[in-house]
Amino acid sequence: MPSSSALCKWVSLREALTQFATAPDTQGAAHIRPLHWYVACRLVVEGGFDPDDITPRPPFVVHRQGRRLMIECDPKAARGGERTVLGGLKTKIVDVVATKNGIGPVIAVSMKGTTRAFRNLTNRMEEAVGDCTNLHISYPTLVYGFFQVLRANREGGGIDPNDVAVRTNGAIAEGISRYHNVLARLADRNDVRDDVTKYEAVALTLVSPDPPDPGGVVSGFPPSDSPLLLDRFFEKLYRQYDQRFVFAAPGLERTTRRLEWDMDSPAVRDTRIAEYQPRVTGTD
């Protein structure tokens, strides 16, 4: 039985990013796990996925009142863990996965958190490309997202030059800019016949570790025309999911159609959804 600290919790993006940005120890998963929880919970409340279909299982329960679907937070319903997905070359443990009974994995999100050694970021792209290719070989319809967060270490104050993300003049370090450009080429796979090495959605976020705004997202990067903005990440996942599993397969719609929560649901009225819109009845 996993410890309570490993069970999925309903956290805001700010809480998750603050944990990442300020964690003194990054050897384990404690600094990145709250982001797994954030994504899992958002897929339920905003995305309309049944919490039973998500790993790690978010802390929600669903009640049916006639034709109304009520959703509320219940920490006792939460589970932890990750899901192992069968790849074309090897199995892959994925951070967050939505699975439909009789169909298999339909949405997967991998997350990486990097706090230093930014000049070496591009060397890790082979791993990202390999993971994406591996899963798309087995599941060409899988909607796969990659979410990268970087600690925005500012130049000076004893920071090693290789660990600098933001220069004293506000410019982004060269290694991170190159990494952005490489990631952009791996984003926005729009059709099952497209390149299997590309992700359906990619997000890149710089997070400040410093007062007065620890956990705050660095503004202006990625630029406004970038395909890597977090604001568009989830929208891309939902759009590709609907196109592949709902509109293209009407015979499966009763299984694949995303749920809509009643406006009076306790979770819909919770302050933790301030960063996104819940999926409520009548939003289709």
Protein backbone atom coordinates (compact mmCIF):
# COMPACT_ATOMS: atom_id res chain seq x y z
CA MET A 1 0.00 0.00 0.00
CA PRO A 2 1.59 3.32 -1.04
CA SER A 3 2.17 5.95 1.63
CA SER A 4 -0.19 8.90 1.80
CA SER A 5 2.55 11.15 0.40
CA ALA A 6 2.47 9.14 -2.86
CA LEU A 7 -1.30 9.29 -3.34
CA CYS A 8 -2.65 11.65 -5.99
CA LYS A 9 -3.81 14.98 -4.55
CA TRP A 10 -5.79 17.81 -6.07
CA VAL A 11 -3.26 20.62 -6.31
CA SER A 12 -3.17 23.85 -8.26
CA LEU A 13 -0.55 24.50 -10.91
CA ARG A 14 1.03 27.09 -8.65
CA GLU A 15 1.36 24.61 -5.79
CA ALA A 16 2.91 22.00 -8.08
CA LEU A 17 5.37 24.46 -9.62
CA THR A 18 6.35 25.85 -6.22
CA GLN A 19 7.19 22.34 -5.03
CA PHE A 20 9.34 21.81 -8.13
CA ALA A 21 11.08 25.18 -7.96
CA THR A 22 11.96 25.13 -4.26
CA ALA A 23 12.62 21.45 -3.53
CA PRO A 24 16.10 21.07 -1.99
CA ASP A 25 16.38 17.44 -3.11
CA THR A 26 15.73 16.42 -6.72
CA GLN A 27 17.10 12.88 -6.57
CA GLY A 28 13.69 11.25 -6.18
CA ALA A 29 10.32 12.13 -7.66
CA ALA A 30 8.99 14.31 -4.82
CA HIS A 31 9.78 17.54 -6.66
CA ILE A 32 7.94 16.53 -9.87
CA ARG A 33 5.16 14.26 -8.54
CA PRO A 34 2.75 17.15 -7.75
CA LEU A 35 2.84 18.02 -11.46
CA HIS A 36 1.73 14.46 -12.23
CA TRP A 37 -1.19 15.03 -9.85
CA TYR A 38 -2.03 18.39 -11.40
CA VAL A 39 -2.23 16.87 -14.89
CA ALA A 40 -4.24 13.86 -13.71
CA CYS A 41 -6.79 16.04 -11.91
CA ARG A 42 -7.08 18.50 -14.76
CA LEU A 43 -7.84 15.66 -17.19
CA VAL A 44 -10.85 14.85 -15.00
CA VAL A 45 -12.27 18.26 -14.07
CA GLU A 46 -11.48 20.09 -17.31
CA GLY A 47 -11.06 17.17 -19.70
CA GLY A 48 -14.13 15.17 -18.69
CA PHE A 49 -12.37 11.85 -18.19
CA ASP A 50 -13.66 9.41 -15.60
CA PRO A 51 -11.25 9.36 -12.62
CA ASP A 52 -11.33 5.55 -12.77
CA ASP A 53 -9.69 5.76 -16.21
CA ILE A 54 -6.72 7.83 -15.00
CA THR A 55 -3.41 6.66 -13.50
CA PRO A 56 -2.52 7.94 -10.96
CA ARG A 57 -6.19 7.91 -9.92
CA PRO A 58 -7.26 11.42 -8.91
CA PRO A 59 -9.15 12.03 -5.64
CA PHE A 60 -12.63 12.34 -7.13
CA VAL A 61 -15.86 10.38 -6.98
CA VAL A 62 -18.68 10.60 -9.51
CA HIS A 63 -22.35 10.34 -8.57
CA ARG A 64 -25.18 10.03 -11.07
CA GLN A 65 -28.42 11.81 -10.21
CA GLY A 66 -30.75 10.95 -13.04
CA ARG A 67 -29.04 12.41 -16.10
CA ARG A 68 -26.82 14.66 -14.01
CA LEU A 69 -23.19 13.76 -13.29
CA MET A 70 -21.98 15.16 -9.99
CA ILE A 71 -18.27 15.17 -9.19
CA GLU A 72 -16.67 15.90 -5.85
CA CYS A 73 -13.25 15.64 -4.29
CA ASP A 74 -12.71 12.64 -2.03
CA PRO A 75 -9.11 12.04 -0.91
CA LYS A 76 -9.99 8.46 0.07
CA ALA A 77 -10.58 7.64 -3.61
CA ALA A 78 -7.05 8.62 -4.62
CA ARG A 79 -4.37 6.19 -5.75
CA GLY A 80 -0.74 6.70 -6.70
CA GLY A 81 1.60 5.07 -9.14
CA GLU A 82 2.29 5.16 -12.84
CA ARG A 83 1.13 2.95 -15.69
CA THR A 84 3.29 0.66 -17.78
CA VAL A 85 2.42 0.96 -21.47
CA LEU A 86 3.38 -1.59 -24.10
CA GLY A 87 5.65 -0.01 -26.69
CA GLY A 88 6.72 -1.26 -30.08
CA LEU A 89 10.28 -1.77 -28.84
CA LYS A 90 9.93 -1.99 -25.07
CA THR A 91 7.51 -1.24 -22.26
CA LYS A 92 7.44 2.32 -20.96
CA ILE A 93 6.41 3.59 -17.54
CA VAL A 94 4.41 6.77 -18.18
CA ASP A 95 3.65 9.45 -15.59
CA VAL A 96 -0.04 10.03 -16.39
CA VAL A 97 -2.22 7.79 -18.58
CA ALA A 98 -5.91 7.76 -19.49
CA THR A 99 -7.10 4.30 -20.52
CA LYS A 100 -10.44 3.26 -22.00
CA ASN A 101 -11.71 -0.25 -21.33
CA GLY A 102 -11.57 -2.36 -24.48
CA ILE A 103 -9.50 0.26 -26.32
CA GLY A 104 -6.31 0.77 -24.32
CA PRO A 105 -4.32 3.92 -23.56
CA VAL A 106 -5.82 6.97 -25.25
CA ILE A 107 -3.93 9.87 -23.63
CA ALA A 108 -0.48 9.79 -22.06
CA VAL A 109 1.61 12.60 -20.60
CA SER A 110 5.29 12.35 -19.72
CA MET A 111 6.86 15.04 -17.55
CA LYS A 112 10.47 16.02 -17.07
CA GLY A 113 11.83 18.47 -14.53
CA THR A 114 15.32 19.89 -14.96
CA THR A 115 16.97 22.12 -12.37
CA ARG A 116 20.51 22.53 -13.75
CA ALA A 117 23.05 21.57 -16.48
CA PHE A 118 20.94 23.27 -19.16
CA ARG A 119 23.68 23.16 -21.78
CA ASN A 120 23.15 19.40 -21.90
CA LEU A 121 19.42 19.56 -22.54
CA THR A 122 19.61 18.84 -26.26
CA ASN A 123 21.51 15.64 -25.49
CA ARG A 124 18.33 14.31 -23.88
CA MET A 125 16.25 14.71 -27.00
CA GLU A 126 17.12 11.22 -28.20
CA GLU A 127 15.31 9.86 -25.15
CA ALA A 128 12.24 12.01 -25.83
CA VAL A 129 12.13 11.02 -29.49
CA GLY A 130 12.65 7.37 -28.62
CA ASP A 131 9.84 7.33 -26.04
CA CYS A 132 7.39 8.92 -28.43
CA THR A 133 8.30 6.62 -31.33
CA ASN A 134 8.18 3.54 -29.13
CA LEU A 135 4.61 4.17 -27.93
CA HIS A 136 3.26 5.39 -31.26
CA ILE A 137 4.46 2.20 -32.93
CA SER A 138 2.13 0.18 -30.72
CA TYR A 139 -0.60 2.81 -30.46
CA PRO A 140 -0.67 5.13 -33.50
CA THR A 141 -3.86 6.76 -32.20
CA LEU A 142 -2.38 7.50 -28.76
CA VAL A 143 -2.51 11.20 -27.89
CA TYR A 144 0.88 11.72 -26.29
CA GLY A 145 1.98 14.88 -24.52
CA PHE A 146 5.40 15.94 -23.22
CA PHE A 147 5.57 18.54 -20.45
CA GLN A 148 9.02 19.92 -19.58
CA VAL A 149 9.61 22.27 -16.66
CA LEU A 150 12.91 24.04 -16.04
CA ARG A 151 14.10 25.86 -12.95
CA ALA A 152 14.77 29.48 -13.91
CA ASN A 153 18.12 29.95 -12.14
CA ARG A 154 19.26 33.52 -12.58
CA GLU A 155 22.83 34.47 -13.38
CA GLY A 156 24.94 35.50 -10.41
CA GLY A 157 24.84 34.61 -6.75
CA GLY A 158 27.25 31.72 -7.15
CA ILE A 159 25.18 29.89 -9.78
CA ASP A 160 27.38 27.70 -11.98
CA PRO A 161 27.42 29.08 -15.57
CA ASN A 162 26.16 25.72 -16.84
CA ASP A 163 23.14 26.00 -14.52
CA VAL A 164 22.07 29.51 -15.58
CA ALA A 165 18.65 29.77 -17.24
CA VAL A 166 18.14 33.54 -17.21
CA ARG A 167 20.91 36.10 -17.78
CA THR A 168 21.26 39.24 -15.70
CA ASN A 169 19.77 41.25 -18.58
CA GLY A 170 16.72 38.96 -18.68
CA ALA A 171 17.78 37.02 -21.76
CA ILE A 172 17.22 33.27 -21.84
CA ALA A 173 20.36 31.13 -21.78
CA GLU A 174 21.48 29.84 -25.15
CA GLY A 175 21.12 26.17 -24.19
CA ILE A 176 17.48 26.65 -23.26
CA SER A 177 16.73 28.58 -26.44
CA ARG A 178 18.22 25.75 -28.50
CA TYR A 179 16.22 23.23 -26.52
CA HIS A 180 13.04 25.18 -27.24
CA ASN A 181 13.75 25.10 -30.95
CA VAL A 182 14.33 21.35 -30.93
CA LEU A 183 11.18 20.66 -28.89
CA ALA A 184 9.12 22.81 -31.25
CA ARG A 185 10.01 20.42 -34.06
CA LEU A 186 8.59 17.52 -32.05
CA ALA A 187 5.22 19.16 -31.35
CA ASP A 188 1.76 19.07 -32.91
CA ARG A 189 1.28 15.64 -34.46
CA ASN A 190 -2.18 16.04 -35.95
CA ASP A 191 -2.99 12.74 -37.63
CA VAL A 192 -2.40 9.06 -36.97
CA ARG A 193 -0.55 8.85 -40.31
CA ASP A 194 1.85 11.64 -39.33
CA ASP A 195 5.41 11.16 -38.12
CA VAL A 196 5.41 8.82 -35.09
CA THR A 197 8.42 10.67 -33.64
CA LYS A 198 6.27 13.74 -32.88
CA TYR A 199 4.12 14.38 -29.84
CA GLU A 200 0.54 15.57 -30.12
CA ALA A 201 1.37 18.37 -27.67
CA VAL A 202 4.53 19.69 -26.02
CA ALA A 203 4.82 22.31 -23.29
CA LEU A 204 7.95 24.06 -21.99
CA THR A 205 7.77 26.16 -18.82
CA LEU A 206 10.39 28.16 -16.93
CA VAL A 207 9.68 28.39 -13.19
CA SER A 208 11.27 30.90 -10.82
CA PRO A 209 12.83 29.48 -7.62
CA ASP A 210 13.49 32.91 -6.11
CA PRO A 211 11.61 35.37 -3.89
CA PRO A 212 9.40 37.27 -4.18
CA ASP A 213 7.71 34.83 -6.57
CA PRO A 214 8.91 31.24 -6.05
CA GLY A 215 6.88 28.96 -8.27
CA GLY A 216 5.94 31.75 -10.65
CA VAL A 217 6.12 31.14 -14.39
CA VAL A 218 8.69 33.31 -16.17
CA SER A 219 6.77 35.53 -18.57
CA GLY A 220 7.79 36.04 -22.18
CA PHE A 221 9.20 32.54 -22.64
CA PRO A 222 8.27 30.64 -24.66
CA PRO A 223 7.34 33.53 -26.99
CA SER A 224 3.68 34.12 -27.81
CA ASP A 225 3.95 32.41 -31.23
CA SER A 226 5.60 29.27 -29.83
CA PRO A 227 3.87 25.87 -30.13
CA LEU A 228 5.16 25.07 -26.63
CA LEU A 229 2.93 27.33 -24.53
CA LEU A 230 1.31 25.56 -21.60
CA ASP A 231 -1.92 27.50 -22.17
CA ARG A 232 -2.47 25.53 -25.38
CA PHE A 233 -1.15 22.16 -24.21
CA PHE A 234 -4.35 20.66 -22.82
CA GLU A 235 -6.52 22.09 -25.58
CA LYS A 236 -4.39 20.20 -28.12
CA LEU A 237 -4.70 16.94 -26.17
CA TYR A 238 -8.49 17.19 -26.01
CA ARG A 239 -8.86 18.16 -29.66
CA GLN A 240 -6.78 15.25 -30.90
CA TYR A 241 -8.55 12.85 -28.56
CA ASP A 242 -11.98 13.90 -29.80
CA GLN A 243 -10.95 13.69 -33.45
CA ARG A 244 -9.52 10.18 -33.11
CA PHE A 245 -11.68 8.46 -30.51
CA VAL A 246 -15.05 10.22 -30.76
CA PHE A 247 -15.68 11.81 -34.17
CA ALA A 248 -13.77 9.20 -36.19
CA ALA A 249 -15.40 6.28 -34.36
CA PRO A 250 -19.08 7.10 -33.72
CA GLY A 251 -19.79 3.45 -32.91
CA LEU A 252 -17.59 3.83 -29.80
CA GLU A 253 -18.97 7.18 -28.71
CA ARG A 254 -20.76 5.83 -25.66
CA THR A 255 -17.39 4.64 -24.38
CA THR A 256 -15.14 7.45 -25.59
CA ARG A 257 -17.24 10.60 -25.34
CA ARG A 258 -15.85 12.89 -22.65
CA LEU A 259 -18.09 13.44 -19.64
CA GLU A 260 -19.77 16.70 -18.64
CA TRP A 261 -20.16 17.60 -14.98
CA ASP A 262 -23.23 19.23 -13.50
CA MET A 263 -22.82 22.90 -12.67
CA ASP A 264 -23.82 22.23 -9.07
CA SER A 265 -21.06 19.67 -8.50
CA PRO A 266 -18.89 20.47 -5.44
CA ALA A 267 -15.68 20.07 -7.48
CA VAL A 268 -16.91 22.54 -10.09
CA ARG A 269 -17.27 25.19 -7.38
CA ASP A 270 -13.87 24.53 -5.79
CA THR A 271 -11.29 27.33 -5.86
CA ARG A 272 -8.63 24.96 -7.20
CA ILE A 273 -10.11 25.19 -10.70
CA ALA A 274 -9.37 28.91 -10.98
CA GLU A 275 -6.59 28.18 -13.49
CA TYR A 276 -8.88 26.42 -15.97
CA GLN A 277 -12.52 25.94 -16.90
CA PRO A 278 -14.33 22.80 -15.72
CA ARG A 279 -16.12 20.75 -18.34
CA VAL A 280 -19.76 21.29 -17.44
CA THR A 281 -23.04 20.36 -19.07
CA GLY A 282 -23.67 22.34 -22.22
CA THR A 283 -20.04 23.17 -23.04
CA ASP A 284 -19.86 20.95 -26.16
